[in-house]
Amino acid sequence: MTFSETPLPGAFLVTPEPFVDDRGLFARTFCKNEFAQIHHTKEFVQFNHSRTNRKGTIRGMHYQLPPYSEIKLIRCIAGTAWDVIIDIRKDSPTFLKHFAVELSGQNMLSVYVPEGFAHGFQTLEDNTHLIYHHTAYYVPGHEAGIRYNDPLLGITWPLPVSEITAKDMNHKLLDNSFKGI
């Protein structure tokens, strides 16, 4: 697999190098030895799978508060999603900058999201499935979010929003009081 650093330091696109033959393909999606190239040393302790039924649905922008911050490795296994990460590290030169990429079952890309980032996505097809690997357990009461359409961020979503939870819709807008994590 290859690792391409995004414009946000510490965040990477991970491209598998599939073995293809008459049967189909085989690709490694994680290898501890290979991830050492990007200085990944933490153990993934929780794997999650989401299925989103409707095209245009937005989930996000989510993160966990310290001391439960987590690294995420996100991959789409069916359908297509517009995946967005936001750097919310208070001392980062790219504080409040975002990066977006199309993930799909076809392109097999993964996004490696360091601690100190918010994450979300919009589905571009019905029945889109994402797999998440986390280096920290989900801890209720220590999660937070940023409004997906916050004007301070200027994220361009590809489709009109077809569905979003009340919780995600009601995250507060950012202002000068947000200092990051």
Protein backbone atom coordinates (compact mmCIF):
# COMPACT_ATOMS: atom_id res chain seq x y z
CA MET A 1 0.00 0.00 0.00
CA THR A 2 1.06 3.57 -0.51
CA PHE A 3 0.61 6.58 1.77
CA SER A 4 0.06 10.06 0.34
CA GLU A 5 0.09 12.92 2.82
CA THR A 6 -2.83 15.30 2.45
CA PRO A 7 -2.41 19.09 2.76
CA LEU A 8 -3.23 18.58 6.47
CA PRO A 9 -0.07 17.32 8.21
CA GLY A 10 -0.41 13.84 9.67
CA ALA A 11 -3.48 12.92 7.59
CA PHE A 12 -2.94 10.44 4.75
CA LEU A 13 -4.71 8.81 1.85
CA VAL A 14 -3.97 5.10 1.89
CA THR A 15 -4.02 3.36 -1.47
CA PRO A 16 -3.99 -0.44 -1.52
CA GLU A 17 -1.97 -2.34 -4.07
CA PRO A 18 -4.34 -5.15 -4.98
CA PHE A 19 -3.30 -8.49 -6.39
CA VAL A 20 -5.62 -9.14 -9.33
CA ASP A 21 -6.23 -12.44 -11.10
CA ASP A 22 -9.10 -14.29 -12.77
CA ARG A 23 -10.85 -14.77 -9.42
CA GLY A 24 -10.97 -11.05 -8.62
CA LEU A 25 -8.65 -9.20 -6.30
CA PHE A 26 -7.00 -9.33 -2.90
CA ALA A 27 -5.75 -6.22 -1.10
CA ARG A 28 -4.23 -5.57 2.29
CA THR A 29 -6.00 -2.67 4.05
CA PHE A 30 -3.87 -2.58 7.19
CA CYS A 31 -0.43 -3.84 8.11
CA LYS A 32 1.27 -2.73 11.30
CA ASN A 33 4.70 -2.88 9.63
CA GLU A 34 3.60 -0.80 6.65
CA PHE A 35 1.77 1.77 8.80
CA ALA A 36 5.03 2.29 10.70
CA GLN A 37 6.10 4.30 7.60
CA ILE A 38 3.73 7.06 8.74
CA HIS A 39 4.72 6.61 12.40
CA HIS A 40 1.47 4.91 13.37
CA THR A 41 2.11 3.03 16.63
CA LYS A 42 -1.25 2.96 18.41
CA GLU A 43 -3.44 -0.11 18.47
CA PHE A 44 -6.83 -0.03 16.77
CA VAL A 45 -9.23 -1.08 19.56
CA GLN A 46 -12.66 -0.64 17.97
CA PHE A 47 -14.01 -1.27 14.45
CA ASN A 48 -17.35 0.14 13.33
CA HIS A 49 -19.49 -0.30 10.22
CA SER A 50 -22.09 2.22 9.06
CA ARG A 51 -24.68 1.79 6.34
CA THR A 52 -26.38 4.94 5.13
CA ASN A 53 -29.57 4.30 3.20
CA ARG A 54 -30.11 7.55 1.31
CA LYS A 55 -27.93 9.42 -1.15
CA GLY A 56 -27.22 12.96 0.10
CA THR A 57 -27.20 12.03 3.79
CA ILE A 58 -24.59 13.77 5.95
CA ARG A 59 -23.04 12.24 9.05
CA GLY A 60 -20.69 14.50 10.99
CA MET A 61 -18.60 16.40 11.80
CA HIS A 62 -17.65 14.28 14.83
CA TYR A 63 -14.70 13.98 17.20
CA GLN A 64 -13.91 12.78 20.72
CA LEU A 65 -12.56 15.12 23.37
CA PRO A 66 -9.23 14.52 25.14
CA PRO A 67 -8.20 12.32 26.80
CA TYR A 68 -10.29 10.12 24.48
CA SER A 69 -9.06 11.57 21.18
CA GLU A 70 -8.61 8.92 18.55
CA ILE A 71 -6.92 8.11 15.29
CA LYS A 72 -9.37 6.84 12.67
CA LEU A 73 -8.83 4.82 9.53
CA ILE A 74 -11.90 5.12 7.30
CA ARG A 75 -12.75 3.11 4.20
CA CYS A 76 -15.84 2.84 2.02
CA ILE A 77 -16.62 -0.74 1.09
CA ALA A 78 -19.84 -0.21 -0.93
CA GLY A 79 -21.32 2.84 -2.57
CA THR A 80 -19.60 6.23 -2.59
CA ALA A 81 -19.04 8.92 0.04
CA TRP A 82 -17.59 12.43 0.05
CA ASP A 83 -15.34 12.19 3.11
CA VAL A 84 -14.27 15.36 4.96
CA ILE A 85 -11.76 15.90 7.75
CA ILE A 86 -11.14 19.15 9.66
CA ASP A 87 -7.93 19.93 11.53
CA ILE A 88 -8.96 21.16 14.99
CA ARG A 89 -5.53 20.89 16.62
CA LYS A 90 -5.11 24.22 18.41
CA ASP A 91 -1.41 24.59 17.59
CA SER A 92 -1.56 23.33 14.02
CA PRO A 93 -0.57 25.53 11.07
CA THR A 94 -3.65 24.14 9.29
CA PHE A 95 -6.07 24.81 12.19
CA LEU A 96 -9.69 24.83 10.87
CA LYS A 97 -8.62 23.79 7.36
CA HIS A 98 -10.37 20.84 5.80
CA PHE A 99 -9.63 18.14 3.24
CA ALA A 100 -12.19 16.17 1.25
CA VAL A 101 -11.90 13.08 -0.91
CA GLU A 102 -14.27 10.67 -2.62
CA LEU A 103 -14.14 7.20 -1.07
CA SER A 104 -15.82 4.29 -2.79
CA GLY A 105 -15.95 0.56 -2.92
CA GLN A 106 -14.40 0.91 -6.38
CA ASN A 107 -11.39 3.14 -5.61
CA MET A 108 -10.66 1.31 -2.32
CA LEU A 109 -8.99 4.39 -0.79
CA SER A 110 -8.80 4.88 2.97
CA VAL A 111 -8.30 8.07 4.93
CA TYR A 112 -5.97 8.05 7.93
CA VAL A 113 -7.26 10.69 10.35
CA PRO A 114 -4.93 11.71 13.20
CA GLU A 115 -6.02 12.72 16.68
CA GLY A 116 -7.33 16.26 16.78
CA PHE A 117 -9.51 16.07 13.67
CA ALA A 118 -13.27 16.17 13.14
CA HIS A 119 -14.67 13.76 10.57
CA GLY A 120 -17.85 13.47 8.53
CA PHE A 121 -19.15 12.42 5.15
CA GLN A 122 -21.98 12.75 2.66
CA THR A 123 -23.24 9.73 0.77
CA LEU A 124 -23.21 10.03 -3.01
CA GLU A 125 -25.16 6.79 -3.52
CA ASP A 126 -27.93 4.97 -1.70
CA ASN A 127 -26.80 2.14 0.60
CA THR A 128 -23.25 3.34 1.20
CA HIS A 129 -21.17 1.37 3.72
CA LEU A 130 -18.14 2.68 5.61
CA ILE A 131 -15.76 0.83 7.92
CA TYR A 132 -14.00 2.77 10.70
CA HIS A 133 -11.00 1.65 12.76
CA HIS A 134 -10.50 3.58 16.03
CA THR A 135 -7.55 3.78 18.43
CA ALA A 136 -9.80 4.77 21.34
CA TYR A 137 -13.07 3.41 22.61
CA TYR A 138 -16.20 5.50 22.19
CA VAL A 139 -16.84 7.26 25.51
CA PRO A 140 -20.36 8.72 25.89
CA GLY A 141 -20.30 12.31 27.04
CA HIS A 142 -16.86 12.95 25.51
CA GLU A 143 -17.98 13.33 21.93
CA ALA A 144 -18.41 16.67 20.19
CA GLY A 145 -19.18 18.00 16.77
CA ILE A 146 -18.95 20.90 14.38
CA ARG A 147 -21.85 21.99 12.18
CA TYR A 148 -21.42 20.54 8.69
CA ASN A 149 -22.32 23.85 7.02
CA ASP A 150 -20.39 26.21 9.29
CA PRO A 151 -19.60 29.28 7.17
CA LEU A 152 -16.21 29.67 8.87
CA LEU A 153 -15.12 26.35 7.32
CA GLY A 154 -16.52 26.81 3.81
CA ILE A 155 -16.98 23.10 3.09
CA THR A 156 -18.58 22.48 -0.29
CA TRP A 157 -20.83 19.42 -0.18
CA PRO A 158 -21.50 17.82 -3.58
CA LEU A 159 -25.25 17.24 -3.12
CA PRO A 160 -28.18 18.89 -1.40
CA VAL A 161 -28.67 17.39 2.06
CA SER A 162 -31.35 14.69 1.96
CA GLU A 163 -31.03 13.61 5.59
CA ILE A 164 -29.13 14.65 8.72
CA THR A 165 -29.80 13.95 12.39
CA ALA A 166 -31.08 16.72 14.65
CA LYS A 167 -27.92 16.27 16.74
CA ASP A 168 -25.64 16.88 13.74
CA MET A 169 -27.79 19.76 12.48
CA ASN A 170 -27.68 21.47 15.87
CA HIS A 171 -23.95 21.51 16.54
CA LYS A 172 -22.98 25.08 17.40
CA LEU A 173 -21.37 27.28 14.79
CA LEU A 174 -17.72 28.07 15.39
CA ASP A 175 -16.65 31.50 16.60
CA ASN A 176 -13.52 33.07 18.04
CA SER A 177 -14.05 31.23 21.32
CA PHE A 178 -13.27 27.85 19.68
CA LYS A 179 -9.63 27.19 20.47
CA GLY A 180 -9.43 23.60 19.22
CA ILE A 181 -8.25 20.53 21.08
